[in-house]
Amino acid sequence: MKTLIIIAFMAVSLSAAAEDGTEISAVPRDLQTPSMQEGSSTPGKRVRMVAPGYRGTDVHHSLYLPTDWQKGKKYPLIVEYAGNGPYRNERGDTCSGKSEQ
């Protein structure tokens, strides 16, 4: 639940900033997406993975395990579908549509 609470808190913070007239882009980031790496998944590391049926293709996904992840414990699963790119709005929000970004 830790991840979900952080995301909800960030959404509330940004919403409150917009209501009081503060430009959202002026609010400091409190979450940062880790860069994607190759290799095995370990807590706190975001890795590029390929499902067995897609080896040898460009199709892949990323997996991030929380820094406090422990084998056997239950955690919420958050799925994001990349692909809404290229996107850029007037506030500077961007999305390439690629999972590694």
PDB file of N, CA and C in Angstrom:
ATOM      1  N   MET A   1       0.812  -1.197   0.000  1.00  0.00           N
ATOM      2  CA  MET A   1       0.000   0.000   0.000  1.00  0.00           C
ATOM      3  C   MET A   1       0.855   1.260   0.000  1.00  0.00           C
ATOM      4  N   LYS A   2       2.085   1.169   0.378  1.00  0.00           N
ATOM      5  CA  LYS A   2       2.968   2.330   0.456  1.00  0.00           C
ATOM      6  C   LYS A   2       3.001   3.086  -0.881  1.00  0.00           C
ATOM      7  N   THR A   3       3.127   2.371  -1.995  1.00  0.00           N
ATOM      8  CA  THR A   3       3.199   3.011  -3.306  1.00  0.00           C
ATOM      9  C   THR A   3       1.911   3.740  -3.631  1.00  0.00           C
ATOM     10  N   LEU A   4       0.778   3.133  -3.376  1.00  0.00           N
ATOM     11  CA  LEU A   4      -0.494   3.763  -3.682  1.00  0.00           C
ATOM     12  C   LEU A   4      -0.703   5.027  -2.874  1.00  0.00           C
ATOM     13  N   ILE A   5      -0.308   5.023  -1.627  1.00  0.00           N
ATOM     14  CA  ILE A   5      -0.449   6.202  -0.769  1.00  0.00           C
ATOM     15  C   ILE A   5       0.411   7.344  -1.298  1.00  0.00           C
ATOM     16  N   ILE A   6       1.613   7.060  -1.721  1.00  0.00           N
ATOM     17  CA  ILE A   6       2.499   8.094  -2.254  1.00  0.00           C
ATOM     18  C   ILE A   6       1.896   8.716  -3.500  1.00  0.00           C
ATOM     19  N   ILE A   7       1.371   7.903  -4.394  1.00  0.00           N
ATOM     20  CA  ILE A   7       0.773   8.415  -5.626  1.00  0.00           C
ATOM     21  C   ILE A   7      -0.448   9.268  -5.308  1.00  0.00           C
ATOM     22  N   ALA A   8      -1.280   8.834  -4.397  1.00  0.00           N
ATOM     23  CA  ALA A   8      -2.464   9.608  -4.030  1.00  0.00           C
ATOM     24  C   ALA A   8      -2.053  10.933  -3.403  1.00  0.00           C
ATOM     25  N   PHE A   9      -1.024  10.931  -2.572  1.00  0.00           N
ATOM     26  CA  PHE A   9      -0.544  12.155  -1.942  1.00  0.00           C
ATOM     27  C   PHE A   9      -0.043  13.137  -2.994  1.00  0.00           C
ATOM     28  N   MET A  10       0.687  12.632  -3.987  1.00  0.00           N
ATOM     29  CA  MET A  10       1.200  13.490  -5.044  1.00  0.00           C
ATOM     30  C   MET A  10       0.044  14.122  -5.817  1.00  0.00           C
ATOM     31  N   ALA A  11      -0.985  13.365  -6.130  1.00  0.00           N
ATOM     32  CA  ALA A  11      -2.132  13.890  -6.864  1.00  0.00           C
ATOM     33  C   ALA A  11      -2.836  14.978  -6.059  1.00  0.00           C
ATOM     34  N   VAL A  12      -2.992  14.779  -4.764  1.00  0.00           N
ATOM     35  CA  VAL A  12      -3.627  15.782  -3.911  1.00  0.00           C
ATOM     36  C   VAL A  12      -2.771  17.032  -3.852  1.00  0.00           C
ATOM     37  N   SER A  13      -1.450  16.890  -3.743  1.00  0.00           N
ATOM     38  CA  SER A  13      -0.553  18.035  -3.691  1.00  0.00           C
ATOM     39  C   SER A  13      -0.632  18.865  -4.962  1.00  0.00           C
ATOM     40  N   LEU A  14      -0.624  18.213  -6.108  1.00  0.00           N
ATOM     41  CA  LEU A  14      -0.692  18.932  -7.373  1.00  0.00           C
ATOM     42  C   LEU A  14      -2.042  19.605  -7.551  1.00  0.00           C
ATOM     43  N   SER A  15      -3.094  18.932  -7.131  1.00  0.00           N
ATOM     44  CA  SER A  15      -4.432  19.499  -7.234  1.00  0.00           C
ATOM     45  C   SER A  15      -4.545  20.749  -6.371  1.00  0.00           C
ATOM     46  N   ALA A  16      -4.031  20.695  -5.160  1.00  0.00           N
ATOM     47  CA  ALA A  16      -4.083  21.851  -4.265  1.00  0.00           C
ATOM     48  C   ALA A  16      -3.253  22.999  -4.832  1.00  0.00           C
ATOM     49  N   ALA A  17      -2.119  22.687  -5.429  1.00  0.00           N
ATOM     50  CA  ALA A  17      -1.281  23.741  -6.004  1.00  0.00           C
ATOM     51  C   ALA A  17      -2.013  24.450  -7.126  1.00  0.00           C
ATOM     52  N   ALA A  18      -2.736  23.716  -7.952  1.00  0.00           N
ATOM     53  CA  ALA A  18      -3.458  24.322  -9.065  1.00  0.00           C
ATOM     54  C   ALA A  18      -4.591  25.200  -8.562  1.00  0.00           C
ATOM     55  N   GLU A  19      -5.268  24.796  -7.500  1.00  0.00           N
ATOM     56  CA  GLU A  19      -6.392  25.559  -6.964  1.00  0.00           C
ATOM     57  C   GLU A  19      -5.959  26.889  -6.356  1.00  0.00           C
ATOM     58  N   ASP A  20      -4.757  26.957  -5.784  1.00  0.00           N
ATOM     59  CA  ASP A  20      -4.332  28.217  -5.165  1.00  0.00           C
ATOM     60  C   ASP A  20      -3.612  29.138  -6.146  1.00  0.00           C
ATOM     61  N   GLY A  21      -3.590  28.765  -7.421  1.00  0.00           N
ATOM     62  CA  GLY A  21      -3.000  29.621  -8.446  1.00  0.00           C
ATOM     63  C   GLY A  21      -1.545  29.336  -8.742  1.00  0.00           C
ATOM     64  N   THR A  22      -0.933  28.422  -8.012  1.00  0.00           N
ATOM     65  CA  THR A  22       0.464  28.068  -8.263  1.00  0.00           C
ATOM     66  C   THR A  22       0.552  27.300  -9.579  1.00  0.00           C
ATOM     67  N   GLU A  23       1.513  27.633 -10.393  1.00  0.00           N
ATOM     68  CA  GLU A  23       1.745  26.887 -11.631  1.00  0.00           C
ATOM     69  C   GLU A  23       2.240  25.494 -11.265  1.00  0.00           C
ATOM     70  N   ILE A  24       1.583  24.461 -11.773  1.00  0.00           N
ATOM     71  CA  ILE A  24       1.910  23.080 -11.410  1.00  0.00           C
ATOM     72  C   ILE A  24       3.370  22.758 -11.707  1.00  0.00           C
ATOM     73  N   SER A  25       3.904  23.271 -12.809  1.00  0.00           N
ATOM     74  CA  SER A  25       5.302  22.958 -13.143  1.00  0.00           C
ATOM     75  C   SER A  25       6.284  23.548 -12.142  1.00  0.00           C
ATOM     76  N   ALA A  26       5.826  24.488 -11.291  1.00  0.00           N
ATOM     77  CA  ALA A  26       6.705  25.085 -10.271  1.00  0.00           C
ATOM     78  C   ALA A  26       6.778  24.229  -9.006  1.00  0.00           C
ATOM     79  N   VAL A  27       5.897  23.240  -8.873  1.00  0.00           N
ATOM     80  CA  VAL A  27       5.898  22.367  -7.693  1.00  0.00           C
ATOM     81  C   VAL A  27       7.038  21.360  -7.840  1.00  0.00           C
ATOM     82  N   PRO A  28       7.954  21.285  -6.864  1.00  0.00           N
ATOM     83  CA  PRO A  28       9.080  20.344  -6.973  1.00  0.00           C
ATOM     84  C   PRO A  28       8.591  18.898  -7.045  1.00  0.00           C
ATOM     85  N   ARG A  29       9.252  18.104  -7.867  1.00  0.00           N
ATOM     86  CA  ARG A  29       8.915  16.678  -7.973  1.00  0.00           C
ATOM     87  C   ARG A  29       9.252  15.977  -6.670  1.00  0.00           C
ATOM     88  N   ASP A  30       8.343  15.115  -6.222  1.00  0.00           N
ATOM     89  CA  ASP A  30       8.637  14.315  -5.039  1.00  0.00           C
ATOM     90  C   ASP A  30       8.807  12.843  -5.389  1.00  0.00           C
ATOM     91  N   LEU A  31       8.571  12.485  -6.640  1.00  0.00           N
ATOM     92  CA  LEU A  31       8.792  11.119  -7.114  1.00  0.00           C
ATOM     93  C   LEU A  31       9.627  11.193  -8.387  1.00  0.00           C
ATOM     94  N   GLN A  32      10.528  10.271  -8.547  1.00  0.00           N
ATOM     95  CA  GLN A  32      11.360  10.230  -9.741  1.00  0.00           C
ATOM     96  C   GLN A  32      11.350   8.809 -10.276  1.00  0.00           C
ATOM     97  N   THR A  33      11.076   8.648 -11.564  1.00  0.00           N
ATOM     98  CA  THR A  33      11.082   7.329 -12.179  1.00  0.00           C
ATOM     99  C   THR A  33      12.526   6.868 -12.342  1.00  0.00           C
ATOM    100  N   PRO A  34      12.882   5.701 -11.799  1.00  0.00           N
ATOM    101  CA  PRO A  34      14.252   5.208 -11.963  1.00  0.00           C
ATOM    102  C   PRO A  34      14.528   4.894 -13.437  1.00  0.00           C
ATOM    103  N   SER A  35      15.766   5.071 -13.872  1.00  0.00           N
ATOM    104  CA  SER A  35      16.110   4.726 -15.247  1.00  0.00           C
ATOM    105  C   SER A  35      16.030   3.214 -15.426  1.00  0.00           C
ATOM    106  N   MET A  36      15.712   2.796 -16.658  1.00  0.00           N
ATOM    107  CA  MET A  36      15.596   1.370 -16.934  1.00  0.00           C
ATOM    108  C   MET A  36      16.986   0.777 -17.168  1.00  0.00           C
ATOM    109  N   GLN A  37      17.217  -0.398 -16.578  1.00  0.00           N
ATOM    110  CA  GLN A  37      18.505  -1.071 -16.692  1.00  0.00           C
ATOM    111  C   GLN A  37      18.298  -2.473 -17.240  1.00  0.00           C
ATOM    112  N   GLU A  38      19.361  -3.075 -17.675  1.00  0.00           N
ATOM    113  CA  GLU A  38      19.354  -4.477 -18.095  1.00  0.00           C
ATOM    114  C   GLU A  38      19.719  -5.323 -16.883  1.00  0.00           C
ATOM    115  N   GLY A  39      19.370  -6.595 -16.903  1.00  0.00           N
ATOM    116  CA  GLY A  39      19.769  -7.491 -15.828  1.00  0.00           C
ATOM    117  C   GLY A  39      18.585  -8.017 -15.044  1.00  0.00           C
ATOM    118  N   SER A  40      18.891  -8.627 -13.920  1.00  0.00           N
ATOM    119  CA  SER A  40      17.881  -9.246 -13.065  1.00  0.00           C
ATOM    120  C   SER A  40      17.187  -8.193 -12.214  1.00  0.00           C
ATOM    121  N   SER A  41      15.926  -8.468 -11.884  1.00  0.00           N
ATOM    122  CA  SER A  41      15.180  -7.551 -11.029  1.00  0.00           C
ATOM    123  C   SER A  41      15.619  -7.727  -9.579  1.00  0.00           C
ATOM    124  N   THR A  42      15.797  -6.604  -8.915  1.00  0.00           N
ATOM    125  CA  THR A  42      16.108  -6.570  -7.492  1.00  0.00           C
ATOM    126  C   THR A  42      15.378  -5.366  -6.911  1.00  0.00           C
ATOM    127  N   PRO A  43      15.148  -5.343  -5.597  1.00  0.00           N
ATOM    128  CA  PRO A  43      14.455  -4.208  -4.998  1.00  0.00           C
ATOM    129  C   PRO A  43      15.123  -2.874  -5.337  1.00  0.00           C
ATOM    130  N   GLY A  44      14.295  -1.915  -5.754  1.00  0.00           N
ATOM    131  CA  GLY A  44      14.783  -0.578  -6.058  1.00  0.00           C
ATOM    132  C   GLY A  44      15.361  -0.410  -7.449  1.00  0.00           C
ATOM    133  N   LYS A  45      15.307  -1.443  -8.263  1.00  0.00           N
ATOM    134  CA  LYS A  45      15.883  -1.398  -9.608  1.00  0.00           C
ATOM    135  C   LYS A  45      14.766  -1.602 -10.635  1.00  0.00           C
ATOM    136  N   ARG A  46      14.742  -0.795 -11.666  1.00  0.00           N
ATOM    137  CA  ARG A  46      13.758  -0.909 -12.751  1.00  0.00           C
ATOM    138  C   ARG A  46      14.459  -1.565 -13.932  1.00  0.00           C
ATOM    139  N   VAL A  47      13.965  -2.725 -14.353  1.00  0.00           N
ATOM    140  CA  VAL A  47      14.640  -3.488 -15.398  1.00  0.00           C
ATOM    141  C   VAL A  47      13.755  -3.728 -16.616  1.00  0.00           C
ATOM    142  N   ARG A  48      14.413  -3.868 -17.756  1.00  0.00           N
ATOM    143  CA  ARG A  48      13.752  -4.188 -19.032  1.00  0.00           C
ATOM    144  C   ARG A  48      13.593  -5.698 -19.078  1.00  0.00           C
ATOM    145  N   MET A  49      12.371  -6.151 -19.384  1.00  0.00           N
ATOM    146  CA  MET A  49      12.100  -7.577 -19.435  1.00  0.00           C
ATOM    147  C   MET A  49      11.366  -7.915 -20.726  1.00  0.00           C
ATOM    148  N   VAL A  50      11.546  -9.150 -21.192  1.00  0.00           N
ATOM    149  CA  VAL A  50      10.885  -9.628 -22.404  1.00  0.00           C
ATOM    150  C   VAL A  50      10.205 -10.955 -22.069  1.00  0.00           C
ATOM    151  N   ALA A  51       8.910 -11.036 -22.363  1.00  0.00           N
ATOM    152  CA  ALA A  51       8.179 -12.291 -22.148  1.00  0.00           C
ATOM    153  C   ALA A  51       8.717 -13.350 -23.117  1.00  0.00           C
ATOM    154  N   PRO A  52       8.737 -14.621 -22.707  1.00  0.00           N
ATOM    155  CA  PRO A  52       9.327 -15.673 -23.545  1.00  0.00           C
ATOM    156  C   PRO A  52       8.842 -15.689 -25.000  1.00  0.00           C
ATOM    157  N   GLY A  53       7.580 -15.453 -25.226  1.00  0.00           N
ATOM    158  CA  GLY A  53       7.044 -15.495 -26.591  1.00  0.00           C
ATOM    159  C   GLY A  53       7.477 -14.330 -27.456  1.00  0.00           C
ATOM    160  N   TYR A  54       8.149 -13.347 -26.870  1.00  0.00           N
ATOM    161  CA  TYR A  54       8.552 -12.152 -27.622  1.00  0.00           C
ATOM    162  C   TYR A  54      10.071 -11.983 -27.705  1.00  0.00           C
ATOM    163  N   ARG A  55      10.823 -13.003 -27.288  1.00  0.00           N
ATOM    164  CA  ARG A  55      12.284 -12.912 -27.410  1.00  0.00           C
ATOM    165  C   ARG A  55      12.650 -12.727 -28.880  1.00  0.00           C
ATOM    166  N   GLY A  56      13.622 -11.868 -29.128  1.00  0.00           N
ATOM    167  CA  GLY A  56      14.045 -11.604 -30.499  1.00  0.00           C
ATOM    168  C   GLY A  56      13.244 -10.512 -31.184  1.00  0.00           C
ATOM    169  N   THR A  57      12.299  -9.884 -30.449  1.00  0.00           N
ATOM    170  CA  THR A  57      11.518  -8.774 -31.003  1.00  0.00           C
ATOM    171  C   THR A  57      11.803  -7.518 -30.190  1.00  0.00           C
ATOM    172  N   ASP A  58      11.208  -6.411 -30.589  1.00  0.00           N
ATOM    173  CA  ASP A  58      11.366  -5.162 -29.836  1.00  0.00           C
ATOM    174  C   ASP A  58      10.330  -5.029 -28.719  1.00  0.00           C
ATOM    175  N   VAL A  59       9.437  -6.007 -28.567  1.00  0.00           N
ATOM    176  CA  VAL A  59       8.384  -5.939 -27.556  1.00  0.00           C
ATOM    177  C   VAL A  59       8.985  -6.247 -26.185  1.00  0.00           C
ATOM    178  N   HIS A  60       8.762  -5.348 -25.242  1.00  0.00           N
ATOM    179  CA  HIS A  60       9.288  -5.543 -23.893  1.00  0.00           C
ATOM    180  C   HIS A  60       8.428  -4.768 -22.896  1.00  0.00           C
ATOM    181  N   HIS A  61       8.699  -4.990 -21.618  1.00  0.00           N
ATOM    182  CA  HIS A  61       8.027  -4.260 -20.543  1.00  0.00           C
ATOM    183  C   HIS A  61       9.067  -3.978 -19.465  1.00  0.00           C
ATOM    184  N   SER A  62       8.687  -3.161 -18.510  1.00  0.00           N
ATOM    185  CA  SER A  62       9.608  -2.902 -17.411  1.00  0.00           C
ATOM    186  C   SER A  62       9.000  -3.410 -16.114  1.00  0.00           C
ATOM    187  N   LEU A  63       9.864  -3.734 -15.182  1.00  0.00           N
ATOM    188  CA  LEU A  63       9.438  -4.196 -13.864  1.00  0.00           C
ATOM    189  C   LEU A  63      10.225  -3.415 -12.822  1.00  0.00           C
ATOM    190  N   TYR A  64       9.502  -2.881 -11.845  1.00  0.00           N
ATOM    191  CA  TYR A  64      10.142  -2.191 -10.731  1.00  0.00           C
ATOM    192  C   TYR A  64       9.629  -2.805  -9.440  1.00  0.00           C
ATOM    193  N   LEU A  65      10.545  -3.226  -8.592  1.00  0.00           N
ATOM    194  CA  LEU A  65      10.197  -3.745  -7.279  1.00  0.00           C
ATOM    195  C   LEU A  65      10.506  -2.661  -6.252  1.00  0.00           C
ATOM    196  N   PRO A  66       9.596  -2.399  -5.300  1.00  0.00           N
ATOM    197  CA  PRO A  66       9.856  -1.376  -4.273  1.00  0.00           C
ATOM    198  C   PRO A  66      11.169  -1.652  -3.533  1.00  0.00           C
ATOM    199  N   THR A  67      11.761  -0.605  -3.013  1.00  0.00           N
ATOM    200  CA  THR A  67      13.041  -0.748  -2.306  1.00  0.00           C
ATOM    201  C   THR A  67      12.925  -1.662  -1.090  1.00  0.00           C
ATOM    202  N   ASP A  68      11.723  -1.754  -0.506  1.00  0.00           N
ATOM    203  CA  ASP A  68      11.530  -2.621   0.671  1.00  0.00           C
ATOM    204  C   ASP A  68      10.882  -3.960   0.303  1.00  0.00           C
ATOM    205  N   TRP A  69      10.932  -4.331  -0.985  1.00  0.00           N
ATOM    206  CA  TRP A  69      10.311  -5.569  -1.463  1.00  0.00           C
ATOM    207  C   TRP A  69      10.945  -6.785  -0.802  1.00  0.00           C
ATOM    208  N   GLN A  70      10.073  -7.744  -0.405  1.00  0.00           N
ATOM    209  CA  GLN A  70      10.542  -8.999   0.182  1.00  0.00           C
ATOM    210  C   GLN A  70       9.778 -10.143  -0.464  1.00  0.00           C
ATOM    211  N   LYS A  71      10.485 -11.176  -0.857  1.00  0.00           N
ATOM    212  CA  LYS A  71       9.884 -12.353  -1.477  1.00  0.00           C
ATOM    213  C   LYS A  71       8.830 -12.943  -0.548  1.00  0.00           C
ATOM    214  N   GLY A  72       7.677 -13.275  -1.107  1.00  0.00           N
ATOM    215  CA  GLY A  72       6.611 -13.899  -0.338  1.00  0.00           C
ATOM    216  C   GLY A  72       5.575 -12.934   0.217  1.00  0.00           C
ATOM    217  N   LYS A  73       5.910 -11.646   0.312  1.00  0.00           N
ATOM    218  CA  LYS A  73       4.944 -10.655   0.792  1.00  0.00           C
ATOM    219  C   LYS A  73       4.047 -10.225  -0.357  1.00  0.00           C
ATOM    220  N   LYS A  74       2.868  -9.712  -0.030  1.00  0.00           N
ATOM    221  CA  LYS A  74       1.934  -9.236  -1.042  1.00  0.00           C
ATOM    222  C   LYS A  74       2.070  -7.720  -1.190  1.00  0.00           C
ATOM    223  N   TYR A  75       2.013  -7.258  -2.434  1.00  0.00           N
ATOM    224  CA  TYR A  75       2.131  -5.838  -2.756  1.00  0.00           C
ATOM    225  C   TYR A  75       1.076  -5.476  -3.792  1.00  0.00           C
ATOM    226  N   PRO A  76       0.674  -4.220  -3.830  1.00  0.00           N
ATOM    227  CA  PRO A  76      -0.254  -3.804  -4.888  1.00  0.00           C
ATOM    228  C   PRO A  76       0.474  -3.841  -6.234  1.00  0.00           C
ATOM    229  N   LEU A  77      -0.261  -4.097  -7.278  1.00  0.00           N
ATOM    230  CA  LEU A  77       0.295  -4.132  -8.625  1.00  0.00           C
ATOM    231  C   LEU A  77      -0.208  -2.914  -9.382  1.00  0.00           C
ATOM    232  N   ILE A  78       0.700  -2.135  -9.910  1.00  0.00           N
ATOM    233  CA  ILE A  78       0.347  -0.963 -10.697  1.00  0.00           C
ATOM    234  C   ILE A  78       0.808  -1.230 -12.116  1.00  0.00           C
ATOM    235  N   VAL A  79      -0.115  -1.128 -13.067  1.00  0.00           N
ATOM    236  CA  VAL A  79       0.198  -1.370 -14.472  1.00  0.00           C
ATOM    237  C   VAL A  79       0.011  -0.071 -15.233  1.00  0.00           C
ATOM    238  N   GLU A  80       1.008   0.291 -16.011  1.00  0.00           N
ATOM    239  CA  GLU A  80       0.912   1.479 -16.858  1.00  0.00           C
ATOM    240  C   GLU A  80       1.136   1.031 -18.289  1.00  0.00           C
ATOM    241  N   TYR A  81       0.234   1.410 -19.168  1.00  0.00           N
ATOM    242  CA  TYR A  81       0.386   1.112 -20.576  1.00  0.00           C
ATOM    243  C   TYR A  81       1.025   2.308 -21.264  1.00  0.00           C
ATOM    244  N   ALA A  82       2.276   2.159 -21.655  1.00  0.00           N
ATOM    245  CA  ALA A  82       2.936   3.232 -22.404  1.00  0.00           C
ATOM    246  C   ALA A  82       2.414   3.180 -23.838  1.00  0.00           C
ATOM    247  N   GLY A  83       2.509   4.275 -24.528  1.00  0.00           N
ATOM    248  CA  GLY A  83       2.097   4.254 -25.930  1.00  0.00           C
ATOM    249  C   GLY A  83       1.300   5.470 -26.339  1.00  0.00           C
ATOM    250  N   ASN A  84       1.087   6.397 -25.434  1.00  0.00           N
ATOM    251  CA  ASN A  84       0.331   7.598 -25.776  1.00  0.00           C
ATOM    252  C   ASN A  84       1.247   8.704 -26.282  1.00  0.00           C
ATOM    253  N   GLY A  85       2.267   8.349 -27.015  1.00  0.00           N
ATOM    254  CA  GLY A  85       3.210   9.360 -27.465  1.00  0.00           C
ATOM    255  C   GLY A  85       3.294   9.398 -28.969  1.00  0.00           C
ATOM    256  N   PRO A  86       3.960  10.358 -29.496  1.00  0.00           N
ATOM    257  CA  PRO A  86       4.561  11.434 -28.729  1.00  0.00           C
ATOM    258  C   PRO A  86       3.498  12.428 -28.250  1.00  0.00           C
ATOM    259  N   TYR A  87       3.642  12.877 -27.007  1.00  0.00           N
ATOM    260  CA  TYR A  87       2.678  13.786 -26.398  1.00  0.00           C
ATOM    261  C   TYR A  87       3.431  14.914 -25.719  1.00  0.00           C
ATOM    262  N   ARG A  88       2.936  16.126 -25.849  1.00  0.00           N
ATOM    263  CA  ARG A  88       3.485  17.284 -25.140  1.00  0.00           C
ATOM    264  C   ARG A  88       2.351  18.284 -24.979  1.00  0.00           C
ATOM    265  N   ASN A  89       2.177  18.817 -23.770  1.00  0.00           N
ATOM    266  CA  ASN A  89       1.136  19.826 -23.580  1.00  0.00           C
ATOM    267  C   ASN A  89       1.757  21.188 -23.290  1.00  0.00           C
ATOM    268  N   GLU A  90       0.906  22.185 -23.119  1.00  0.00           N
ATOM    269  CA  GLU A  90       1.366  23.560 -22.910  1.00  0.00           C
ATOM    270  C   GLU A  90       2.112  23.757 -21.590  1.00  0.00           C
ATOM    271  N   ARG A  91       2.008  22.808 -20.673  1.00  0.00           N
ATOM    272  CA  ARG A  91       2.707  22.916 -19.382  1.00  0.00           C
ATOM    273  C   ARG A  91       4.055  22.201 -19.381  1.00  0.00           C
ATOM    274  N   GLY A  92       4.397  21.606 -20.499  1.00  0.00           N
ATOM    275  CA  GLY A  92       5.696  20.919 -20.591  1.00  0.00           C
ATOM    276  C   GLY A  92       5.652  19.450 -20.250  1.00  0.00           C
ATOM    277  N   ASP A  93       4.455  18.893 -19.979  1.00  0.00           N
ATOM    278  CA  ASP A  93       4.349  17.458 -19.731  1.00  0.00           C
ATOM    279  C   ASP A  93       4.618  16.738 -21.044  1.00  0.00           C
ATOM    280  N   THR A  94       5.434  15.701 -20.990  1.00  0.00           N
ATOM    281  CA  THR A  94       5.763  14.945 -22.208  1.00  0.00           C
ATOM    282  C   THR A  94       5.638  13.451 -21.968  1.00  0.00           C
ATOM    283  N   CYS A  95       5.417  12.731 -23.051  1.00  0.00           N
ATOM    284  CA  CYS A  95       5.379  11.275 -23.022  1.00  0.00           C
ATOM    285  C   CYS A  95       5.837  10.797 -24.393  1.00  0.00           C
ATOM    286  N   SER A  96       6.898  10.022 -24.422  1.00  0.00           N
ATOM    287  CA  SER A  96       7.395   9.488 -25.695  1.00  0.00           C
ATOM    288  C   SER A  96       6.590   8.279 -26.131  1.00  0.00           C
ATOM    289  N   GLY A  97       5.890   7.649 -25.188  1.00  0.00           N
ATOM    290  CA  GLY A  97       5.164   6.424 -25.493  1.00  0.00           C
ATOM    291  C   GLY A  97       6.014   5.186 -25.336  1.00  0.00           C
ATOM    292  N   LYS A  98       7.265   5.343 -24.892  1.00  0.00           N
ATOM    293  CA  LYS A  98       8.174   4.208 -24.744  1.00  0.00           C
ATOM    294  C   LYS A  98       8.314   3.849 -23.270  1.00  0.00           C
ATOM    295  N   SER A  99       8.278   2.567 -22.953  1.00  0.00           N
ATOM    296  CA  SER A  99       8.337   2.125 -21.551  1.00  0.00           C
ATOM    297  C   SER A  99       9.658   2.507 -20.885  1.00  0.00           C
ATOM    298  N   GLU A 100      10.733   2.614 -21.637  1.00  0.00           N
ATOM    299  CA  GLU A 100      12.005   2.968 -21.006  1.00  0.00           C
ATOM    300  C   GLU A 100      12.103   4.429 -20.611  1.00  0.00           C
ATOM    301  N   GLN A 101      11.148   5.237 -21.029  1.00  0.00           N
ATOM    302  CA  GLN A 101      11.159   6.643 -20.655  1.00  0.00           C
ATOM    303  C   GLN A 101      10.010   6.951 -19.728  1.00  0.00           C
TER     304      GLN A 101
END
